[in-house]
Amino acid sequence: QSAQDVATAGTFLDDISGKTVAVLAQN
């Protein structure tokens, strides 16, 4: 499901806490 996709995206950072994530998407 989509939540597993998004969680996988977060694994590209060693520690997500305190980091900034920009989301580029269509409105």
PDB file of all heavy atoms in Angstrom:
ATOM      1  N   GLN A   1       0.838  -1.187   0.000  1.00  0.00           N
ATOM      2  CA  GLN A   1       0.000   0.000   0.000  1.00  0.00           C
ATOM      3  C   GLN A   1       0.877   1.242   0.000  1.00  0.00           C
ATOM      4  O   GLN A   1       2.086   1.177   0.223  1.00  0.00           O
ATOM      5  CB  GLN A   1      -0.933  -0.003   1.196  1.00  0.00           C
ATOM      6  CG  GLN A   1      -0.239   0.023   2.557  1.00  0.00           C
ATOM      7  CD  GLN A   1      -1.191  -0.233   3.701  1.00  0.00           C
ATOM      8  OE1 GLN A   1      -1.570  -1.377   3.954  1.00  0.00           O
ATOM      9  NE2 GLN A   1      -1.595   0.825   4.400  1.00  0.00           N
ATOM     10  N   SER A   2       0.256   2.402  -0.252  1.00  0.00           N
ATOM     11  CA  SER A   2       1.012   3.648  -0.408  1.00  0.00           C
ATOM     12  C   SER A   2       1.866   3.977   0.803  1.00  0.00           C
ATOM     13  O   SER A   2       2.973   4.505   0.666  1.00  0.00           O
ATOM     14  CB  SER A   2       0.041   4.804  -0.687  1.00  0.00           C
ATOM     15  OG  SER A   2      -0.601   4.630  -1.929  1.00  0.00           O
ATOM     16  N   ALA A   3       1.385   3.656   1.993  1.00  0.00           N
ATOM     17  CA  ALA A   3       2.153   3.957   3.206  1.00  0.00           C
ATOM     18  C   ALA A   3       3.497   3.252   3.200  1.00  0.00           C
ATOM     19  O   ALA A   3       4.498   3.784   3.712  1.00  0.00           O
ATOM     20  CB  ALA A   3       1.353   3.565   4.450  1.00  0.00           C
ATOM     21  N   GLN A   4       3.556   2.063   2.623  1.00  0.00           N
ATOM     22  CA  GLN A   4       4.826   1.350   2.551  1.00  0.00           C
ATOM     23  C   GLN A   4       5.774   2.012   1.551  1.00  0.00           C
ATOM     24  O   GLN A   4       6.989   2.012   1.755  1.00  0.00           O
ATOM     25  CB  GLN A   4       4.571  -0.123   2.197  1.00  0.00           C
ATOM     26  CG  GLN A   4       3.978  -0.904   3.376  1.00  0.00           C
ATOM     27  CD  GLN A   4       3.254  -2.171   2.962  1.00  0.00           C
ATOM     28  OE1 GLN A   4       2.347  -2.133   2.128  1.00  0.00           O
ATOM     29  NE2 GLN A   4       3.639  -3.292   3.540  1.00  0.00           N
ATOM     30  N   ASP A   5       5.225   2.584   0.497  1.00  0.00           N
ATOM     31  CA  ASP A   5       6.046   3.355  -0.442  1.00  0.00           C
ATOM     32  C   ASP A   5       6.684   4.554   0.262  1.00  0.00           C
ATOM     33  O   ASP A   5       7.885   4.795   0.149  1.00  0.00           O
ATOM     34  CB  ASP A   5       5.191   3.870  -1.598  1.00  0.00           C
ATOM     35  CG  ASP A   5       4.781   2.778  -2.573  1.00  0.00           C
ATOM     36  OD1 ASP A   5       5.465   1.752  -2.641  1.00  0.00           O
ATOM     37  OD2 ASP A   5       3.774   2.970  -3.270  1.00  0.00           O
ATOM     38  N   VAL A   6       5.849   5.317   0.950  1.00  0.00           N
ATOM     39  CA  VAL A   6       6.330   6.537   1.598  1.00  0.00           C
ATOM     40  C   VAL A   6       7.351   6.212   2.684  1.00  0.00           C
ATOM     41  O   VAL A   6       8.389   6.885   2.811  1.00  0.00           O
ATOM     42  CB  VAL A   6       5.155   7.340   2.175  1.00  0.00           C
ATOM     43  CG1 VAL A   6       5.664   8.542   2.978  1.00  0.00           C
ATOM     44  CG2 VAL A   6       4.232   7.823   1.053  1.00  0.00           C
ATOM     45  N   ALA A   7       7.088   5.173   3.451  1.00  0.00           N
ATOM     46  CA  ALA A   7       8.034   4.772   4.489  1.00  0.00           C
ATOM     47  C   ALA A   7       9.368   4.363   3.874  1.00  0.00           C
ATOM     48  O   ALA A   7      10.439   4.643   4.427  1.00  0.00           O
ATOM     49  CB  ALA A   7       7.459   3.632   5.323  1.00  0.00           C
ATOM     50  N   THR A   8       9.323   3.721   2.711  1.00  0.00           N
ATOM     51  CA  THR A   8      10.558   3.336   2.024  1.00  0.00           C
ATOM     52  C   THR A   8      11.334   4.570   1.582  1.00  0.00           C
ATOM     53  O   THR A   8      12.569   4.601   1.655  1.00  0.00           O
ATOM     54  CB  THR A   8      10.244   2.443   0.812  1.00  0.00           C
ATOM     55  OG1 THR A   8       9.489   1.313   1.245  1.00  0.00           O
ATOM     56  CG2 THR A   8      11.525   1.953   0.152  1.00  0.00           C
ATOM     57  N   ALA A   9      10.635   5.609   1.133  1.00  0.00           N
ATOM     58  CA  ALA A   9      11.305   6.850   0.763  1.00  0.00           C
ATOM     59  C   ALA A   9      12.117   7.394   1.930  1.00  0.00           C
ATOM     60  O   ALA A   9      13.229   7.909   1.763  1.00  0.00           O
ATOM     61  CB  ALA A   9      10.287   7.889   0.293  1.00  0.00           C
ATOM     62  N   GLY A  10      11.562   7.283   3.131  1.00  0.00           N
ATOM     63  CA  GLY A  10      12.248   7.790   4.314  1.00  0.00           C
ATOM     64  C   GLY A  10      13.523   7.050   4.638  1.00  0.00           C
ATOM     65  O   GLY A  10      14.406   7.599   5.317  1.00  0.00           O
ATOM     66  N   THR A  11      13.676   5.814   4.145  1.00  0.00           N
ATOM     67  CA  THR A  11      14.876   5.036   4.466  1.00  0.00           C
ATOM     68  C   THR A  11      16.106   5.515   3.709  1.00  0.00           C
ATOM     69  O   THR A  11      17.219   5.048   3.976  1.00  0.00           O
ATOM     70  CB  THR A  11      14.661   3.539   4.177  1.00  0.00           C
ATOM     71  OG1 THR A  11      14.491   3.329   2.756  1.00  0.00           O
ATOM     72  CG2 THR A  11      13.447   2.998   4.921  1.00  0.00           C
ATOM     73  N   PHE A  12      15.923   6.448   2.774  1.00  0.00           N
ATOM     74  CA  PHE A  12      17.078   6.992   2.070  1.00  0.00           C
ATOM     75  C   PHE A  12      17.858   7.974   2.945  1.00  0.00           C
ATOM     76  O   PHE A  12      18.943   8.412   2.563  1.00  0.00           O
ATOM     77  CB  PHE A  12      16.649   7.643   0.760  1.00  0.00           C
ATOM     78  CG  PHE A  12      16.297   6.658  -0.314  1.00  0.00           C
ATOM     79  CD1 PHE A  12      14.999   6.173  -0.439  1.00  0.00           C
ATOM     80  CD2 PHE A  12      17.260   6.189  -1.188  1.00  0.00           C
ATOM     81  CE1 PHE A  12      14.669   5.263  -1.422  1.00  0.00           C
ATOM     82  CE2 PHE A  12      16.946   5.265  -2.176  1.00  0.00           C
ATOM     83  CZ  PHE A  12      15.637   4.802  -2.292  1.00  0.00           C
ATOM     84  N   LEU A  13      17.305   8.346   4.091  1.00  0.00           N
ATOM     85  CA  LEU A  13      18.025   9.143   5.081  1.00  0.00           C
ATOM     86  C   LEU A  13      18.331   8.255   6.279  1.00  0.00           C
ATOM     87  O   LEU A  13      17.482   7.481   6.718  1.00  0.00           O
ATOM     88  CB  LEU A  13      17.177  10.341   5.532  1.00  0.00           C
ATOM     89  CG  LEU A  13      16.927  11.431   4.487  1.00  0.00           C
ATOM     90  CD1 LEU A  13      15.984  12.491   5.043  1.00  0.00           C
ATOM     91  CD2 LEU A  13      18.246  12.070   4.044  1.00  0.00           C
ATOM     92  N   ASP A  14      19.534   8.383   6.816  1.00  0.00           N
ATOM     93  CA  ASP A  14      19.917   7.545   7.952  1.00  0.00           C
ATOM     94  C   ASP A  14      19.034   7.796   9.162  1.00  0.00           C
ATOM     95  O   ASP A  14      18.686   6.874   9.899  1.00  0.00           O
ATOM     96  CB  ASP A  14      21.387   7.793   8.321  1.00  0.00           C
ATOM     97  CG  ASP A  14      22.342   7.275   7.251  1.00  0.00           C
ATOM     98  OD1 ASP A  14      21.948   6.337   6.524  1.00  0.00           O
ATOM     99  OD2 ASP A  14      23.458   7.808   7.143  1.00  0.00           O
ATOM    100  N   ASP A  15      18.679   9.057   9.379  1.00  0.00           N
ATOM    101  CA  ASP A  15      17.818   9.418  10.512  1.00  0.00           C
ATOM    102  C   ASP A  15      16.881  10.514  10.043  1.00  0.00           C
ATOM    103  O   ASP A  15      17.313  11.627   9.743  1.00  0.00           O
ATOM    104  CB  ASP A  15      18.665   9.891  11.696  1.00  0.00           C
ATOM    105  CG  ASP A  15      17.810  10.195  12.921  1.00  0.00           C
ATOM    106  OD1 ASP A  15      16.578   9.966  12.875  1.00  0.00           O
ATOM    107  OD2 ASP A  15      18.369  10.667  13.929  1.00  0.00           O
ATOM    108  N   ILE A  16      15.611  10.215   9.956  1.00  0.00           N
ATOM    109  CA  ILE A  16      14.636  11.160   9.419  1.00  0.00           C
ATOM    110  C   ILE A  16      14.305  12.274  10.402  1.00  0.00           C
ATOM    111  O   ILE A  16      13.893  13.364  10.021  1.00  0.00           O
ATOM    112  CB  ILE A  16      13.351  10.417   8.994  1.00  0.00           C
ATOM    113  CG1 ILE A  16      12.518  11.277   8.027  1.00  0.00           C
ATOM    114  CG2 ILE A  16      12.526   9.988  10.186  1.00  0.00           C
ATOM    115  CD1 ILE A  16      13.080  11.375   6.664  1.00  0.00           C
ATOM    116  N   SER A  17      14.504  12.021  11.698  1.00  0.00           N
ATOM    117  CA  SER A  17      14.145  13.010  12.719  1.00  0.00           C
ATOM    118  C   SER A  17      14.947  14.296  12.549  1.00  0.00           C
ATOM    119  O   SER A  17      16.173  14.278  12.414  1.00  0.00           O
ATOM    120  CB  SER A  17      14.381  12.434  14.117  1.00  0.00           C
ATOM    121  OG  SER A  17      14.041  13.377  15.110  1.00  0.00           O
ATOM    122  N   GLY A  18      14.229  15.419  12.510  1.00  0.00           N
ATOM    123  CA  GLY A  18      14.868  16.715  12.391  1.00  0.00           C
ATOM    124  C   GLY A  18      15.222  17.115  10.973  1.00  0.00           C
ATOM    125  O   GLY A  18      15.706  18.224  10.742  1.00  0.00           O
ATOM    126  N   LYS A  19      14.975  16.245  10.018  1.00  0.00           N
ATOM    127  CA  LYS A  19      15.299  16.541   8.627  1.00  0.00           C
ATOM    128  C   LYS A  19      14.121  17.231   7.930  1.00  0.00           C
ATOM    129  O   LYS A  19      12.976  17.150   8.367  1.00  0.00           O
ATOM    130  CB  LYS A  19      15.642  15.253   7.869  1.00  0.00           C
ATOM    131  CG  LYS A  19      16.832  14.507   8.433  1.00  0.00           C
ATOM    132  CD  LYS A  19      18.092  15.325   8.374  1.00  0.00           C
ATOM    133  CE  LYS A  19      19.368  14.528   8.578  1.00  0.00           C
ATOM    134  NZ  LYS A  19      19.359  13.455   9.534  1.00  0.00           N
ATOM    135  N   THR A  20      14.425  17.930   6.845  1.00  0.00           N
ATOM    136  CA  THR A  20      13.395  18.566   6.021  1.00  0.00           C
ATOM    137  C   THR A  20      13.162  17.740   4.760  1.00  0.00           C
ATOM    138  O   THR A  20      14.123  17.388   4.061  1.00  0.00           O
ATOM    139  CB  THR A  20      13.817  19.988   5.616  1.00  0.00           C
ATOM    140  OG1 THR A  20      13.949  20.789   6.795  1.00  0.00           O
ATOM    141  CG2 THR A  20      12.780  20.622   4.697  1.00  0.00           C
ATOM    142  N   VAL A  21      11.912  17.431   4.498  1.00  0.00           N
ATOM    143  CA  VAL A  21      11.543  16.683   3.294  1.00  0.00           C
ATOM    144  C   VAL A  21      10.649  17.576   2.436  1.00  0.00           C
ATOM    145  O   VAL A  21       9.586  18.012   2.886  1.00  0.00           O
ATOM    146  CB  VAL A  21      10.803  15.377   3.641  1.00  0.00           C
ATOM    147  CG1 VAL A  21      10.367  14.659   2.363  1.00  0.00           C
ATOM    148  CG2 VAL A  21      11.694  14.465   4.490  1.00  0.00           C
ATOM    149  N   ALA A  22      11.093  17.870   1.224  1.00  0.00           N
ATOM    150  CA  ALA A  22      10.257  18.614   0.284  1.00  0.00           C
ATOM    151  C   ALA A  22       9.468  17.612  -0.550  1.00  0.00           C
ATOM    152  O   ALA A  22      10.002  16.575  -0.956  1.00  0.00           O
ATOM    153  CB  ALA A  22      11.118  19.483  -0.621  1.00  0.00           C
ATOM    154  N   VAL A  23       8.195  17.911  -0.776  1.00  0.00           N
ATOM    155  CA  VAL A  23       7.349  17.049  -1.604  1.00  0.00           C
ATOM    156  C   VAL A  23       6.958  17.830  -2.851  1.00  0.00           C
ATOM    157  O   VAL A  23       6.222  18.821  -2.765  1.00  0.00           O
ATOM    158  CB  VAL A  23       6.090  16.585  -0.851  1.00  0.00           C
ATOM    159  CG1 VAL A  23       5.268  15.653  -1.739  1.00  0.00           C
ATOM    160  CG2 VAL A  23       6.466  15.893   0.453  1.00  0.00           C
ATOM    161  N   LEU A  24       7.476  17.429  -3.997  1.00  0.00           N
ATOM    162  CA  LEU A  24       7.100  18.036  -5.266  1.00  0.00           C
ATOM    163  C   LEU A  24       5.984  17.202  -5.871  1.00  0.00           C
ATOM    164  O   LEU A  24       6.170  16.012  -6.162  1.00  0.00           O
ATOM    165  CB  LEU A  24       8.293  18.089  -6.216  1.00  0.00           C
ATOM    166  CG  LEU A  24       8.013  18.634  -7.626  1.00  0.00           C
ATOM    167  CD1 LEU A  24       7.566  20.097  -7.558  1.00  0.00           C
ATOM    168  CD2 LEU A  24       9.227  18.471  -8.521  1.00  0.00           C
ATOM    169  N   ALA A  25       4.820  17.815  -6.061  1.00  0.00           N
ATOM    170  CA  ALA A  25       3.658  17.054  -6.529  1.00  0.00           C
ATOM    171  C   ALA A  25       2.697  17.971  -7.265  1.00  0.00           C
ATOM    172  O   ALA A  25       2.729  19.197  -7.116  1.00  0.00           O
ATOM    173  CB  ALA A  25       2.947  16.392  -5.353  1.00  0.00           C
ATOM    174  N   GLN A  26       1.838  17.367  -8.062  1.00  0.00           N
ATOM    175  CA  GLN A  26       0.787  18.115  -8.735  1.00  0.00           C
ATOM    176  C   GLN A  26      -0.299  18.495  -7.729  1.00  0.00           C
ATOM    177  O   GLN A  26      -0.600  17.738  -6.795  1.00  0.00           O
ATOM    178  CB  GLN A  26       0.206  17.273  -9.868  1.00  0.00           C
ATOM    179  CG  GLN A  26       1.186  17.091 -11.015  1.00  0.00           C
ATOM    180  CD  GLN A  26       1.011  15.757 -11.700  1.00  0.00           C
ATOM    181  OE1 GLN A  26       1.000  14.701 -11.064  1.00  0.00           O
ATOM    182  NE2 GLN A  26       0.871  15.774 -13.018  1.00  0.00           N
ATOM    183  N   ASN A  27      -0.883  19.666  -7.954  1.00  0.00           N
ATOM    184  CA  ASN A  27      -1.900  20.168  -7.032  1.00  0.00           C
ATOM    185  C   ASN A  27      -3.273  19.602  -7.421  1.00  0.00           C
ATOM    186  O   ASN A  27      -4.159  20.304  -7.885  1.00  0.00           O
ATOM    187  CB  ASN A  27      -1.920  21.693  -7.038  1.00  0.00           C
ATOM    188  CG  ASN A  27      -2.707  22.256  -5.858  1.00  0.00           C
ATOM    189  OD1 ASN A  27      -3.071  21.521  -4.943  1.00  0.00           O
ATOM    190  ND2 ASN A  27      -2.959  23.547  -5.876  1.00  0.00           N
TER     191      ASN A  27
END
